[in-house]
Amino acid sequence: MTWTELREKCRRQSDYIITLFITNEVSLFLTWKLANTRVTPNQVTLASILCGLGCSLCYAFGNFFAGSLLLFISHVLDCTDGNLARAKSCFSPIGKWLDMSGDRIAEAMIFTGIGIYFIRTGASEYWIVISFVDAILLSAYYYMVDMALTLGLSKPVQNIGGLKFKGVNVKWGLMEPMLYGLIILSTLGFVKIQLILILLLSLGGMSYQAFKMISKTAESA
């Protein structure tokens, strides 16, 4: 399989802007190297989860640079499992479940690591609580998004005002602000600011999803 064929086969209908230009490019190179090996998409998913665990441990002990590096690698692998599945035409219900569950597990571990860091450093109880609240709110937000997709209240292919790059629709969501916010702000020593931003974004995202569900339900009534 040539590079052009791989890129075409792995092209998504919609994706996040930073993922489209950075993460997925690294992921495609890795997929290209793995396409002719015996490595399976599920193995890549498990490696992504392990990197998330490594990030959590680094954050717990205050090494935010190493943790953020592992978080980026985890995201690259999270993109790679899907790309590898497309490249090898290797799909399964277990793989889909593992991919979705792995994301939520990794997020929970990462915020747990941040909470442990605050406990270890004697930070205010407020920051310990908000770390775990962020994890809960993000899980609730993603649950609402998945529920809206299941009920047909949201379209699986999203775009922002028709914006399109590389033949891919650009979509929006909390994933990139949460992920890259942590990678950048925690490395710079501003993890508390990121926690507040995640709290506000999660509440805003949940409110938007709830409003959309109520509006769609009212229209169909």
N, C-alpha and C. Protein backbone atom coordinates (compact mmCIF):
# COMPACT_ATOMS: atom_id res chain seq x y z
N MET A 1 0.84 -1.20 0.00
CA MET A 1 0.00 0.00 0.00
C MET A 1 0.88 1.25 0.00
N THR A 2 0.63 2.16 -0.95
CA THR A 2 1.41 3.39 -1.02
C THR A 2 0.93 4.38 0.03
N TRP A 3 1.74 5.42 0.24
CA TRP A 3 1.37 6.47 1.20
C TRP A 3 0.07 7.15 0.79
N THR A 4 -0.09 7.42 -0.49
CA THR A 4 -1.31 8.06 -0.98
C THR A 4 -2.53 7.17 -0.76
N GLU A 5 -2.38 5.88 -1.03
CA GLU A 5 -3.48 4.94 -0.82
C GLU A 5 -3.84 4.84 0.66
N LEU A 6 -2.82 4.83 1.51
CA LEU A 6 -3.07 4.77 2.95
C LEU A 6 -3.82 6.00 3.43
N ARG A 7 -3.37 7.17 2.99
CA ARG A 7 -4.03 8.42 3.41
C ARG A 7 -5.49 8.43 2.96
N GLU A 8 -5.74 7.96 1.75
CA GLU A 8 -7.11 7.94 1.24
C GLU A 8 -7.98 6.95 2.00
N LYS A 9 -7.41 5.79 2.32
CA LYS A 9 -8.17 4.75 3.02
C LYS A 9 -8.47 5.15 4.46
N CYS A 10 -7.58 5.93 5.08
CA CYS A 10 -7.73 6.29 6.49
C CYS A 10 -8.43 7.64 6.68
N ARG A 11 -8.81 8.29 5.58
CA ARG A 11 -9.43 9.61 5.70
C ARG A 11 -10.78 9.51 6.39
N ARG A 12 -10.96 10.34 7.42
CA ARG A 12 -12.24 10.41 8.13
C ARG A 12 -13.14 11.42 7.43
N GLN A 13 -14.44 11.33 7.69
CA GLN A 13 -15.36 12.30 7.11
C GLN A 13 -15.30 13.64 7.84
N SER A 14 -15.01 13.58 9.16
CA SER A 14 -14.85 14.82 9.92
C SER A 14 -13.83 14.59 11.03
N ASP A 15 -13.14 15.67 11.42
CA ASP A 15 -12.13 15.54 12.46
C ASP A 15 -11.87 16.91 13.09
N TYR A 16 -11.19 16.88 14.25
CA TYR A 16 -10.83 18.11 14.94
C TYR A 16 -9.64 18.75 14.25
N ILE A 17 -9.53 20.07 14.36
CA ILE A 17 -8.56 20.82 13.57
C ILE A 17 -7.11 20.47 13.90
N ILE A 18 -6.75 20.43 15.20
CA ILE A 18 -5.36 20.12 15.57
C ILE A 18 -5.05 18.66 15.27
N THR A 19 -6.01 17.79 15.53
CA THR A 19 -5.84 16.38 15.22
C THR A 19 -5.61 16.18 13.73
N LEU A 20 -6.33 16.94 12.92
CA LEU A 20 -6.23 16.82 11.46
C LEU A 20 -4.84 17.20 10.96
N PHE A 21 -4.28 18.28 11.51
CA PHE A 21 -3.02 18.79 10.99
C PHE A 21 -1.78 18.24 11.70
N ILE A 22 -1.92 17.79 12.93
CA ILE A 22 -0.74 17.35 13.68
C ILE A 22 -0.83 15.87 14.06
N THR A 23 -1.77 15.56 14.96
CA THR A 23 -1.82 14.21 15.53
C THR A 23 -2.02 13.15 14.46
N ASN A 24 -2.94 13.38 13.56
CA ASN A 24 -3.23 12.36 12.56
C ASN A 24 -2.09 12.17 11.57
N GLU A 25 -1.30 13.21 11.33
CA GLU A 25 -0.14 13.07 10.44
C GLU A 25 0.89 12.13 11.05
N VAL A 26 1.14 12.29 12.37
CA VAL A 26 2.04 11.37 13.07
C VAL A 26 1.45 9.97 13.07
N SER A 27 0.14 9.90 13.30
CA SER A 27 -0.55 8.62 13.35
C SER A 27 -0.48 7.89 12.00
N LEU A 28 -0.62 8.62 10.90
CA LEU A 28 -0.57 7.99 9.58
C LEU A 28 0.81 7.39 9.31
N PHE A 29 1.87 8.08 9.73
CA PHE A 29 3.22 7.55 9.56
C PHE A 29 3.37 6.25 10.37
N LEU A 30 2.87 6.26 11.61
CA LEU A 30 2.95 5.07 12.45
C LEU A 30 2.11 3.94 11.86
N THR A 31 0.94 4.28 11.34
CA THR A 31 0.07 3.28 10.70
C THR A 31 0.77 2.66 9.50
N TRP A 32 1.44 3.49 8.73
CA TRP A 32 2.17 3.02 7.54
C TRP A 32 3.23 1.99 7.93
N LYS A 33 3.90 2.23 9.08
CA LYS A 33 4.93 1.31 9.55
C LYS A 33 4.33 0.01 10.10
N LEU A 34 3.11 0.10 10.66
CA LEU A 34 2.49 -1.06 11.30
C LEU A 34 1.60 -1.87 10.35
N ALA A 35 1.28 -1.30 9.20
CA ALA A 35 0.28 -1.91 8.31
C ALA A 35 0.68 -3.32 7.86
N ASN A 36 1.97 -3.57 7.71
CA ASN A 36 2.42 -4.88 7.23
C ASN A 36 2.99 -5.75 8.35
N THR A 37 2.65 -5.41 9.58
CA THR A 37 3.08 -6.20 10.73
C THR A 37 1.88 -6.97 11.30
N ARG A 38 2.14 -7.76 12.36
CA ARG A 38 1.06 -8.52 12.99
C ARG A 38 0.39 -7.75 14.12
N VAL A 39 0.79 -6.50 14.31
CA VAL A 39 0.19 -5.66 15.35
C VAL A 39 -1.28 -5.40 15.00
N THR A 40 -2.15 -5.56 15.99
CA THR A 40 -3.59 -5.38 15.77
C THR A 40 -4.05 -4.02 16.31
N PRO A 41 -5.17 -3.51 15.80
CA PRO A 41 -5.71 -2.26 16.33
C PRO A 41 -5.98 -2.31 17.83
N ASN A 42 -6.47 -3.46 18.31
CA ASN A 42 -6.76 -3.59 19.75
C ASN A 42 -5.49 -3.49 20.59
N GLN A 43 -4.39 -4.00 20.09
CA GLN A 43 -3.12 -3.88 20.80
C GLN A 43 -2.68 -2.41 20.88
N VAL A 44 -2.92 -1.68 19.80
CA VAL A 44 -2.60 -0.25 19.80
C VAL A 44 -3.48 0.50 20.80
N THR A 45 -4.75 0.12 20.87
CA THR A 45 -5.66 0.73 21.84
C THR A 45 -5.18 0.50 23.27
N LEU A 46 -4.75 -0.73 23.56
CA LEU A 46 -4.24 -1.04 24.89
C LEU A 46 -2.97 -0.24 25.19
N ALA A 47 -2.12 -0.04 24.18
CA ALA A 47 -0.92 0.77 24.37
C ALA A 47 -1.29 2.22 24.67
N SER A 48 -2.36 2.70 24.03
CA SER A 48 -2.84 4.06 24.29
C SER A 48 -3.31 4.20 25.74
N ILE A 49 -4.04 3.20 26.21
CA ILE A 49 -4.52 3.22 27.60
C ILE A 49 -3.34 3.20 28.58
N LEU A 50 -2.32 2.39 28.28
CA LEU A 50 -1.14 2.32 29.14
C LEU A 50 -0.40 3.65 29.18
N CYS A 51 -0.34 4.33 28.05
CA CYS A 51 0.27 5.67 28.03
C CYS A 51 -0.54 6.65 28.87
N GLY A 52 -1.86 6.50 28.84
CA GLY A 52 -2.72 7.31 29.71
C GLY A 52 -2.43 7.05 31.17
N LEU A 53 -2.21 5.78 31.51
CA LEU A 53 -1.84 5.43 32.88
C LEU A 53 -0.49 6.02 33.25
N GLY A 54 0.47 5.96 32.31
CA GLY A 54 1.77 6.56 32.55
C GLY A 54 1.68 8.05 32.76
N CYS A 55 0.82 8.71 31.98
CA CYS A 55 0.58 10.15 32.14
C CYS A 55 0.04 10.42 33.54
N SER A 56 -0.92 9.61 33.98
CA SER A 56 -1.52 9.78 35.30
C SER A 56 -0.46 9.69 36.40
N LEU A 57 0.43 8.70 36.28
CA LEU A 57 1.48 8.52 37.29
C LEU A 57 2.45 9.71 37.30
N CYS A 58 2.81 10.18 36.12
CA CYS A 58 3.71 11.33 36.03
C CYS A 58 3.07 12.57 36.64
N TYR A 59 1.80 12.80 36.30
CA TYR A 59 1.09 13.94 36.87
C TYR A 59 1.00 13.83 38.39
N ALA A 60 0.75 12.62 38.88
CA ALA A 60 0.61 12.41 40.32
C ALA A 60 1.87 12.80 41.07
N PHE A 61 3.03 12.61 40.42
CA PHE A 61 4.31 12.93 41.08
C PHE A 61 4.90 14.26 40.60
N GLY A 62 4.07 15.06 39.91
CA GLY A 62 4.47 16.41 39.56
C GLY A 62 5.33 16.55 38.33
N ASN A 63 5.54 15.47 37.58
CA ASN A 63 6.34 15.55 36.35
C ASN A 63 5.39 15.81 35.19
N PHE A 64 5.01 17.06 35.02
CA PHE A 64 3.99 17.40 34.02
C PHE A 64 4.54 17.36 32.60
N PHE A 65 5.84 17.57 32.43
CA PHE A 65 6.40 17.50 31.08
C PHE A 65 6.32 16.08 30.54
N ALA A 66 6.82 15.11 31.33
CA ALA A 66 6.78 13.71 30.90
C ALA A 66 5.34 13.23 30.76
N GLY A 67 4.48 13.68 31.69
CA GLY A 67 3.07 13.29 31.62
C GLY A 67 2.41 13.80 30.37
N SER A 68 2.69 15.04 30.01
CA SER A 68 2.09 15.62 28.80
C SER A 68 2.61 14.95 27.54
N LEU A 69 3.89 14.56 27.56
CA LEU A 69 4.45 13.84 26.41
C LEU A 69 3.74 12.50 26.24
N LEU A 70 3.52 11.79 27.35
CA LEU A 70 2.80 10.52 27.29
C LEU A 70 1.34 10.72 26.88
N LEU A 71 0.76 11.84 27.29
CA LEU A 71 -0.62 12.14 26.90
C LEU A 71 -0.72 12.35 25.40
N PHE A 72 0.27 13.05 24.83
CA PHE A 72 0.29 13.24 23.37
C PHE A 72 0.46 11.91 22.65
N ILE A 73 1.38 11.07 23.15
CA ILE A 73 1.59 9.75 22.54
C ILE A 73 0.31 8.92 22.63
N SER A 74 -0.38 9.02 23.78
CA SER A 74 -1.64 8.29 23.95
C SER A 74 -2.66 8.73 22.90
N HIS A 75 -2.70 10.02 22.63
CA HIS A 75 -3.64 10.53 21.62
C HIS A 75 -3.26 10.07 20.22
N VAL A 76 -1.96 10.07 19.93
CA VAL A 76 -1.49 9.57 18.64
C VAL A 76 -1.90 8.11 18.45
N LEU A 77 -1.70 7.31 19.49
CA LEU A 77 -2.07 5.89 19.43
C LEU A 77 -3.59 5.72 19.33
N ASP A 78 -4.33 6.63 19.97
CA ASP A 78 -5.79 6.59 19.90
C ASP A 78 -6.26 6.84 18.47
N CYS A 79 -5.54 7.67 17.74
CA CYS A 79 -5.84 7.88 16.31
C CYS A 79 -5.37 6.69 15.48
N THR A 80 -4.25 6.10 15.90
CA THR A 80 -3.64 5.03 15.11
C THR A 80 -4.46 3.76 15.12
N ASP A 81 -5.12 3.45 16.24
CA ASP A 81 -5.90 2.20 16.26
C ASP A 81 -6.99 2.22 15.19
N GLY A 82 -7.66 3.37 15.04
CA GLY A 82 -8.69 3.48 14.01
C GLY A 82 -8.11 3.46 12.61
N ASN A 83 -6.98 4.17 12.42
CA ASN A 83 -6.33 4.17 11.11
C ASN A 83 -5.84 2.78 10.72
N LEU A 84 -5.29 2.06 11.70
CA LEU A 84 -4.80 0.71 11.42
C LEU A 84 -5.95 -0.23 11.09
N ALA A 85 -7.08 -0.03 11.79
CA ALA A 85 -8.27 -0.85 11.49
C ALA A 85 -8.75 -0.60 10.06
N ARG A 86 -8.69 0.66 9.62
CA ARG A 86 -9.10 0.97 8.24
C ARG A 86 -8.09 0.40 7.25
N ALA A 87 -6.79 0.55 7.56
CA ALA A 87 -5.75 0.08 6.65
C ALA A 87 -5.81 -1.43 6.47
N LYS A 88 -6.09 -2.16 7.54
CA LYS A 88 -6.14 -3.62 7.49
C LYS A 88 -7.55 -4.17 7.30
N SER A 89 -8.54 -3.24 7.22
CA SER A 89 -9.95 -3.65 7.14
C SER A 89 -10.25 -4.65 8.25
N CYS A 90 -9.85 -4.26 9.45
CA CYS A 90 -9.97 -5.15 10.61
C CYS A 90 -10.83 -4.47 11.67
N PHE A 91 -12.13 -4.72 11.64
CA PHE A 91 -13.07 -4.08 12.56
C PHE A 91 -13.78 -5.16 13.39
N SER A 92 -14.12 -4.79 14.62
CA SER A 92 -14.86 -5.73 15.47
C SER A 92 -15.62 -4.95 16.53
N PRO A 93 -16.75 -5.49 17.01
CA PRO A 93 -17.50 -4.81 18.08
C PRO A 93 -16.66 -4.63 19.34
N ILE A 94 -15.81 -5.62 19.64
CA ILE A 94 -14.94 -5.51 20.82
C ILE A 94 -13.96 -4.36 20.65
N GLY A 95 -13.42 -4.24 19.44
CA GLY A 95 -12.48 -3.15 19.17
C GLY A 95 -13.13 -1.79 19.33
N LYS A 96 -14.35 -1.65 18.83
CA LYS A 96 -15.07 -0.39 18.96
C LYS A 96 -15.34 -0.07 20.43
N TRP A 97 -15.78 -1.08 21.17
CA TRP A 97 -16.05 -0.88 22.60
C TRP A 97 -14.78 -0.52 23.36
N LEU A 98 -13.69 -1.23 23.06
CA LEU A 98 -12.42 -0.98 23.74
C LEU A 98 -11.91 0.41 23.45
N ASP A 99 -12.07 0.86 22.21
CA ASP A 99 -11.61 2.20 21.82
C ASP A 99 -12.37 3.27 22.60
N MET A 100 -13.70 3.14 22.65
CA MET A 100 -14.52 4.14 23.35
C MET A 100 -14.29 4.09 24.86
N SER A 101 -14.24 2.88 25.40
CA SER A 101 -14.04 2.73 26.84
C SER A 101 -12.64 3.17 27.24
N GLY A 102 -11.67 2.91 26.37
CA GLY A 102 -10.29 3.29 26.66
C GLY A 102 -10.12 4.77 26.85
N ASP A 103 -10.82 5.56 26.01
CA ASP A 103 -10.75 7.02 26.13
C ASP A 103 -11.25 7.47 27.50
N ARG A 104 -12.39 6.94 27.91
CA ARG A 104 -12.96 7.34 29.20
C ARG A 104 -12.09 6.87 30.37
N ILE A 105 -11.53 5.66 30.25
CA ILE A 105 -10.66 5.15 31.30
C ILE A 105 -9.42 6.02 31.44
N ALA A 106 -8.81 6.36 30.30
CA ALA A 106 -7.60 7.18 30.31
C ALA A 106 -7.88 8.55 30.94
N GLU A 107 -9.01 9.16 30.56
CA GLU A 107 -9.35 10.48 31.12
C GLU A 107 -9.52 10.40 32.63
N ALA A 108 -10.23 9.37 33.10
CA ALA A 108 -10.43 9.22 34.54
C ALA A 108 -9.10 9.06 35.27
N MET A 109 -8.18 8.28 34.69
CA MET A 109 -6.88 8.07 35.32
C MET A 109 -6.08 9.37 35.37
N ILE A 110 -6.14 10.14 34.29
CA ILE A 110 -5.37 11.38 34.23
C ILE A 110 -5.82 12.38 35.29
N PHE A 111 -7.14 12.55 35.43
CA PHE A 111 -7.64 13.49 36.44
C PHE A 111 -7.42 12.96 37.85
N THR A 112 -7.43 11.64 37.99
CA THR A 112 -7.08 11.05 39.28
C THR A 112 -5.64 11.37 39.64
N GLY A 113 -4.76 11.29 38.63
CA GLY A 113 -3.36 11.63 38.85
C GLY A 113 -3.18 13.07 39.29
N ILE A 114 -3.93 13.98 38.67
CA ILE A 114 -3.85 15.39 39.06
C ILE A 114 -4.36 15.57 40.49
N GLY A 115 -5.46 14.87 40.83
CA GLY A 115 -5.98 14.95 42.19
C GLY A 115 -4.98 14.45 43.21
N ILE A 116 -4.29 13.35 42.88
CA ILE A 116 -3.27 12.82 43.78
C ILE A 116 -2.12 13.80 43.94
N TYR A 117 -1.77 14.48 42.85
CA TYR A 117 -0.71 15.50 42.92
C TYR A 117 -1.07 16.59 43.92
N PHE A 118 -2.32 17.04 43.88
CA PHE A 118 -2.75 18.08 44.83
C PHE A 118 -2.75 17.56 46.26
N ILE A 119 -3.13 16.30 46.44
CA ILE A 119 -3.10 15.70 47.78
C ILE A 119 -1.66 15.64 48.30
N ARG A 120 -0.74 15.20 47.43
CA ARG A 120 0.66 15.06 47.83
C ARG A 120 1.31 16.40 48.17
N THR A 121 0.91 17.45 47.46
CA THR A 121 1.54 18.75 47.66
C THR A 121 0.80 19.60 48.68
N GLY A 122 -0.24 19.05 49.31
CA GLY A 122 -0.97 19.79 50.34
C GLY A 122 -1.77 20.95 49.81
N ALA A 123 -2.25 20.84 48.57
CA ALA A 123 -3.04 21.92 47.98
C ALA A 123 -4.41 22.00 48.66
N SER A 124 -5.10 23.08 48.40
CA SER A 124 -6.44 23.26 48.95
C SER A 124 -7.36 22.12 48.51
N GLU A 125 -8.27 21.75 49.39
CA GLU A 125 -9.23 20.69 49.06
C GLU A 125 -10.06 21.05 47.82
N TYR A 126 -10.19 22.33 47.57
CA TYR A 126 -10.95 22.79 46.40
C TYR A 126 -10.37 22.18 45.12
N TRP A 127 -9.04 22.19 44.97
CA TRP A 127 -8.41 21.70 43.75
C TRP A 127 -8.48 20.18 43.66
N ILE A 128 -8.48 19.52 44.80
CA ILE A 128 -8.62 18.07 44.80
C ILE A 128 -10.02 17.70 44.31
N VAL A 129 -11.02 18.41 44.84
CA VAL A 129 -12.41 18.14 44.46
C VAL A 129 -12.64 18.45 42.99
N ILE A 130 -12.13 19.58 42.53
CA ILE A 130 -12.40 20.00 41.15
C ILE A 130 -11.76 19.05 40.15
N SER A 131 -10.65 18.42 40.53
CA SER A 131 -10.02 17.43 39.64
C SER A 131 -10.97 16.28 39.36
N PHE A 132 -11.60 15.77 40.41
CA PHE A 132 -12.52 14.64 40.26
C PHE A 132 -13.86 15.09 39.65
N VAL A 133 -14.28 16.31 39.96
CA VAL A 133 -15.51 16.84 39.36
C VAL A 133 -15.35 16.98 37.85
N ASP A 134 -14.17 17.44 37.41
CA ASP A 134 -13.91 17.57 35.97
C ASP A 134 -14.03 16.22 35.28
N ALA A 135 -13.47 15.17 35.90
CA ALA A 135 -13.55 13.83 35.31
C ALA A 135 -15.00 13.38 35.18
N ILE A 136 -15.81 13.64 36.20
CA ILE A 136 -17.22 13.25 36.18
C ILE A 136 -18.00 14.03 35.13
N LEU A 137 -17.76 15.34 35.07
CA LEU A 137 -18.48 16.18 34.11
C LEU A 137 -18.12 15.84 32.67
N LEU A 138 -16.84 15.55 32.42
CA LEU A 138 -16.44 15.17 31.07
C LEU A 138 -17.10 13.86 30.65
N SER A 139 -17.14 12.91 31.56
CA SER A 139 -17.80 11.63 31.27
C SER A 139 -19.28 11.84 30.98
N ALA A 140 -19.92 12.72 31.75
CA ALA A 140 -21.34 13.02 31.54
C ALA A 140 -21.55 13.70 30.19
N TYR A 141 -20.64 14.61 29.84
CA TYR A 141 -20.74 15.30 28.55
C TYR A 141 -20.64 14.30 27.39
N TYR A 142 -19.64 13.42 27.45
CA TYR A 142 -19.47 12.46 26.37
C TYR A 142 -20.64 11.48 26.31
N TYR A 143 -21.21 11.16 27.46
CA TYR A 143 -22.40 10.31 27.48
C TYR A 143 -23.55 10.99 26.76
N MET A 144 -23.73 12.28 27.00
CA MET A 144 -24.80 13.02 26.34
C MET A 144 -24.56 13.10 24.83
N VAL A 145 -23.30 13.27 24.43
CA VAL A 145 -22.97 13.31 23.00
C VAL A 145 -23.29 11.97 22.35
N ASP A 146 -22.87 10.88 22.99
CA ASP A 146 -23.14 9.54 22.45
C ASP A 146 -24.64 9.26 22.40
N MET A 147 -25.36 9.72 23.42
CA MET A 147 -26.81 9.49 23.45
C MET A 147 -27.49 10.26 22.32
N ALA A 148 -27.03 11.50 22.07
CA ALA A 148 -27.60 12.30 20.98
C ALA A 148 -27.35 11.64 19.63
N LEU A 149 -26.17 11.05 19.45
CA LEU A 149 -25.87 10.36 18.20
C LEU A 149 -26.74 9.12 18.06
N THR A 150 -26.90 8.37 19.15
CA THR A 150 -27.72 7.15 19.12
C THR A 150 -29.17 7.45 18.79
N LEU A 151 -29.68 8.55 19.33
CA LEU A 151 -31.08 8.93 19.11
C LEU A 151 -31.29 9.68 17.80
N GLY A 152 -30.21 9.93 17.08
CA GLY A 152 -30.32 10.65 15.82
C GLY A 152 -30.51 12.14 15.97
N LEU A 153 -30.20 12.67 17.16
CA LEU A 153 -30.35 14.11 17.39
C LEU A 153 -29.11 14.88 16.94
N SER A 154 -28.02 14.17 16.72
CA SER A 154 -26.79 14.78 16.21
C SER A 154 -26.34 14.00 14.99
N LYS A 155 -25.65 14.66 14.07
CA LYS A 155 -25.14 14.00 12.89
C LYS A 155 -23.76 13.43 13.17
N PRO A 156 -23.49 12.20 12.71
CA PRO A 156 -22.17 11.61 12.93
C PRO A 156 -21.06 12.37 12.20
N VAL A 157 -21.42 12.99 11.07
CA VAL A 157 -20.44 13.80 10.33
C VAL A 157 -20.73 15.26 10.63
N GLN A 158 -19.80 15.91 11.31
CA GLN A 158 -19.99 17.30 11.73
C GLN A 158 -19.08 18.23 10.94
N ASN A 159 -19.39 19.50 10.96
CA ASN A 159 -18.50 20.49 10.38
C ASN A 159 -18.79 21.85 10.99
N ILE A 160 -17.83 22.75 10.89
CA ILE A 160 -17.99 24.11 11.41
C ILE A 160 -18.18 25.05 10.22
N GLY A 161 -19.40 25.45 9.99
CA GLY A 161 -19.67 26.41 8.92
C GLY A 161 -19.15 26.01 7.56
N GLY A 162 -19.13 24.70 7.27
CA GLY A 162 -18.65 24.24 5.98
C GLY A 162 -17.15 24.22 5.85
N LEU A 163 -16.42 24.47 6.95
CA LEU A 163 -14.95 24.49 6.91
C LEU A 163 -14.42 23.10 6.60
N LYS A 164 -13.48 23.05 5.65
CA LYS A 164 -12.99 21.76 5.18
C LYS A 164 -11.52 21.86 4.81
N PHE A 165 -10.71 20.92 5.27
CA PHE A 165 -9.30 20.84 4.92
C PHE A 165 -8.96 19.40 4.56
N LYS A 166 -8.11 19.24 3.55
CA LYS A 166 -7.66 17.91 3.13
C LYS A 166 -8.85 16.99 2.83
N GLY A 167 -9.95 17.58 2.39
CA GLY A 167 -11.13 16.80 2.09
C GLY A 167 -11.88 16.31 3.31
N VAL A 168 -11.57 16.88 4.48
CA VAL A 168 -12.18 16.44 5.74
C VAL A 168 -12.93 17.61 6.38
N ASN A 169 -14.17 17.36 6.79
CA ASN A 169 -14.94 18.39 7.49
C ASN A 169 -14.34 18.63 8.88
N VAL A 170 -14.23 19.90 9.25
CA VAL A 170 -13.72 20.24 10.58
C VAL A 170 -14.88 20.26 11.57
N LYS A 171 -14.72 19.54 12.68
CA LYS A 171 -15.76 19.49 13.69
C LYS A 171 -15.26 20.11 15.00
N TRP A 172 -16.17 20.28 15.95
CA TRP A 172 -15.79 20.88 17.22
C TRP A 172 -16.24 19.99 18.37
N GLY A 173 -15.69 20.25 19.53
CA GLY A 173 -16.03 19.48 20.72
C GLY A 173 -15.05 19.79 21.83
N LEU A 174 -15.19 19.11 22.95
CA LEU A 174 -14.34 19.39 24.12
C LEU A 174 -13.03 18.61 24.10
N MET A 175 -12.91 17.64 23.20
CA MET A 175 -11.74 16.77 23.23
C MET A 175 -10.44 17.54 23.10
N GLU A 176 -10.31 18.37 22.08
CA GLU A 176 -9.05 19.09 21.87
C GLU A 176 -8.78 20.17 22.92
N PRO A 177 -9.78 20.99 23.30
CA PRO A 177 -9.50 21.94 24.40
C PRO A 177 -9.08 21.26 25.68
N MET A 178 -9.66 20.10 25.97
CA MET A 178 -9.28 19.37 27.17
C MET A 178 -7.88 18.79 27.03
N LEU A 179 -7.65 18.10 25.92
CA LEU A 179 -6.41 17.37 25.72
C LEU A 179 -5.21 18.30 25.55
N TYR A 180 -5.29 19.18 24.57
CA TYR A 180 -4.14 20.04 24.29
C TYR A 180 -4.01 21.15 25.33
N GLY A 181 -5.11 21.50 25.97
CA GLY A 181 -5.02 22.43 27.09
C GLY A 181 -4.19 21.84 28.21
N LEU A 182 -4.43 20.56 28.51
CA LEU A 182 -3.63 19.88 29.53
C LEU A 182 -2.17 19.78 29.12
N ILE A 183 -1.94 19.38 27.86
CA ILE A 183 -0.57 19.20 27.38
C ILE A 183 0.22 20.51 27.50
N ILE A 184 -0.40 21.62 27.11
CA ILE A 184 0.32 22.89 27.08
C ILE A 184 0.34 23.57 28.45
N LEU A 185 -0.84 23.76 29.05
CA LEU A 185 -0.91 24.54 30.29
C LEU A 185 -0.28 23.82 31.47
N SER A 186 -0.45 22.50 31.56
CA SER A 186 0.15 21.79 32.69
C SER A 186 1.68 21.82 32.60
N THR A 187 2.20 21.73 31.38
CA THR A 187 3.65 21.80 31.20
C THR A 187 4.19 23.16 31.60
N LEU A 188 3.40 24.21 31.36
CA LEU A 188 3.81 25.57 31.72
C LEU A 188 3.55 25.90 33.18
N GLY A 189 2.95 24.96 33.92
CA GLY A 189 2.68 25.18 35.33
C GLY A 189 1.33 25.80 35.63
N PHE A 190 0.41 25.75 34.64
CA PHE A 190 -0.90 26.37 34.81
C PHE A 190 -2.02 25.33 34.83
N VAL A 191 -1.77 24.21 35.49
CA VAL A 191 -2.76 23.13 35.50
C VAL A 191 -4.05 23.57 36.18
N LYS A 192 -3.97 24.45 37.16
CA LYS A 192 -5.18 24.92 37.85
C LYS A 192 -6.07 25.71 36.90
N ILE A 193 -5.45 26.52 36.05
CA ILE A 193 -6.23 27.29 35.07
C ILE A 193 -6.95 26.33 34.13
N GLN A 194 -6.25 25.29 33.70
CA GLN A 194 -6.86 24.31 32.80
C GLN A 194 -8.03 23.59 33.45
N LEU A 195 -7.92 23.29 34.74
CA LEU A 195 -9.01 22.63 35.45
C LEU A 195 -10.26 23.51 35.47
N ILE A 196 -10.07 24.81 35.68
CA ILE A 196 -11.21 25.74 35.67
C ILE A 196 -11.81 25.81 34.27
N LEU A 197 -10.95 25.86 33.24
CA LEU A 197 -11.46 25.91 31.87
C LEU A 197 -12.24 24.65 31.52
N ILE A 198 -11.74 23.50 31.94
CA ILE A 198 -12.45 22.25 31.67
C ILE A 198 -13.80 22.23 32.38
N LEU A 199 -13.83 22.73 33.60
CA LEU A 199 -15.09 22.80 34.35
C LEU A 199 -16.11 23.64 33.60
N LEU A 200 -15.70 24.83 33.15
CA LEU A 200 -16.61 25.72 32.44
C LEU A 200 -17.03 25.15 31.09
N LEU A 201 -16.07 24.58 30.36
CA LEU A 201 -16.38 24.00 29.05
C LEU A 201 -17.31 22.80 29.18
N SER A 202 -17.09 21.98 30.20
CA SER A 202 -17.95 20.80 30.41
C SER A 202 -19.39 21.22 30.71
N LEU A 203 -19.53 22.20 31.61
CA LEU A 203 -20.87 22.69 31.94
C LEU A 203 -21.53 23.32 30.72
N GLY A 204 -20.76 24.08 29.95
CA GLY A 204 -21.30 24.69 28.74
C GLY A 204 -21.69 23.65 27.70
N GLY A 205 -20.83 22.63 27.54
CA GLY A 205 -21.12 21.57 26.58
C GLY A 205 -22.34 20.76 26.96
N MET A 206 -22.48 20.46 28.24
CA MET A 206 -23.64 19.72 28.71
C MET A 206 -24.92 20.53 28.53
N SER A 207 -24.83 21.82 28.80
CA SER A 207 -26.00 22.70 28.63
C SER A 207 -26.42 22.75 27.16
N TYR A 208 -25.43 22.84 26.27
CA TYR A 208 -25.72 22.88 24.84
C TYR A 208 -26.37 21.58 24.38
N GLN A 209 -25.81 20.43 24.83
CA GLN A 209 -26.37 19.14 24.44
C GLN A 209 -27.79 18.99 24.96
N ALA A 210 -28.03 19.43 26.20
CA ALA A 210 -29.38 19.34 26.78
C ALA A 210 -30.35 20.22 26.00
N PHE A 211 -29.92 21.44 25.66
CA PHE A 211 -30.78 22.36 24.89
C PHE A 211 -31.11 21.77 23.52
N LYS A 212 -30.10 21.16 22.88
CA LYS A 212 -30.31 20.57 21.56
C LYS A 212 -31.30 19.40 21.64
N MET A 213 -31.16 18.59 22.67
CA MET A 213 -32.07 17.45 22.83
C MET A 213 -33.51 17.91 23.06
N ILE A 214 -33.66 18.93 23.91
CA ILE A 214 -35.00 19.44 24.21
C ILE A 214 -35.62 20.07 22.96
N SER A 215 -34.81 20.84 22.22
CA SER A 215 -35.30 21.48 21.00
C SER A 215 -35.74 20.47 19.95
N LYS A 216 -34.90 19.43 19.75
CA LYS A 216 -35.24 18.41 18.76
C LYS A 216 -36.49 17.63 19.16
N THR A 217 -36.60 17.35 20.47
CA THR A 217 -37.76 16.63 20.96
C THR A 217 -39.03 17.45 20.79
N ALA A 218 -38.92 18.77 21.05
CA ALA A 218 -40.08 19.66 20.89
C ALA A 218 -40.51 19.75 19.43
N GLU A 219 -39.52 19.78 18.52
CA GLU A 219 -39.83 19.89 17.09
C GLU A 219 -40.56 18.64 16.57
N SER A 220 -40.16 17.47 17.11
CA SER A 220 -40.77 16.21 16.65
C SER A 220 -42.09 15.89 17.34
N ALA A 221 -42.42 16.65 18.40
CA ALA A 221 -43.64 16.37 19.16
C ALA A 221 -44.88 16.84 18.39
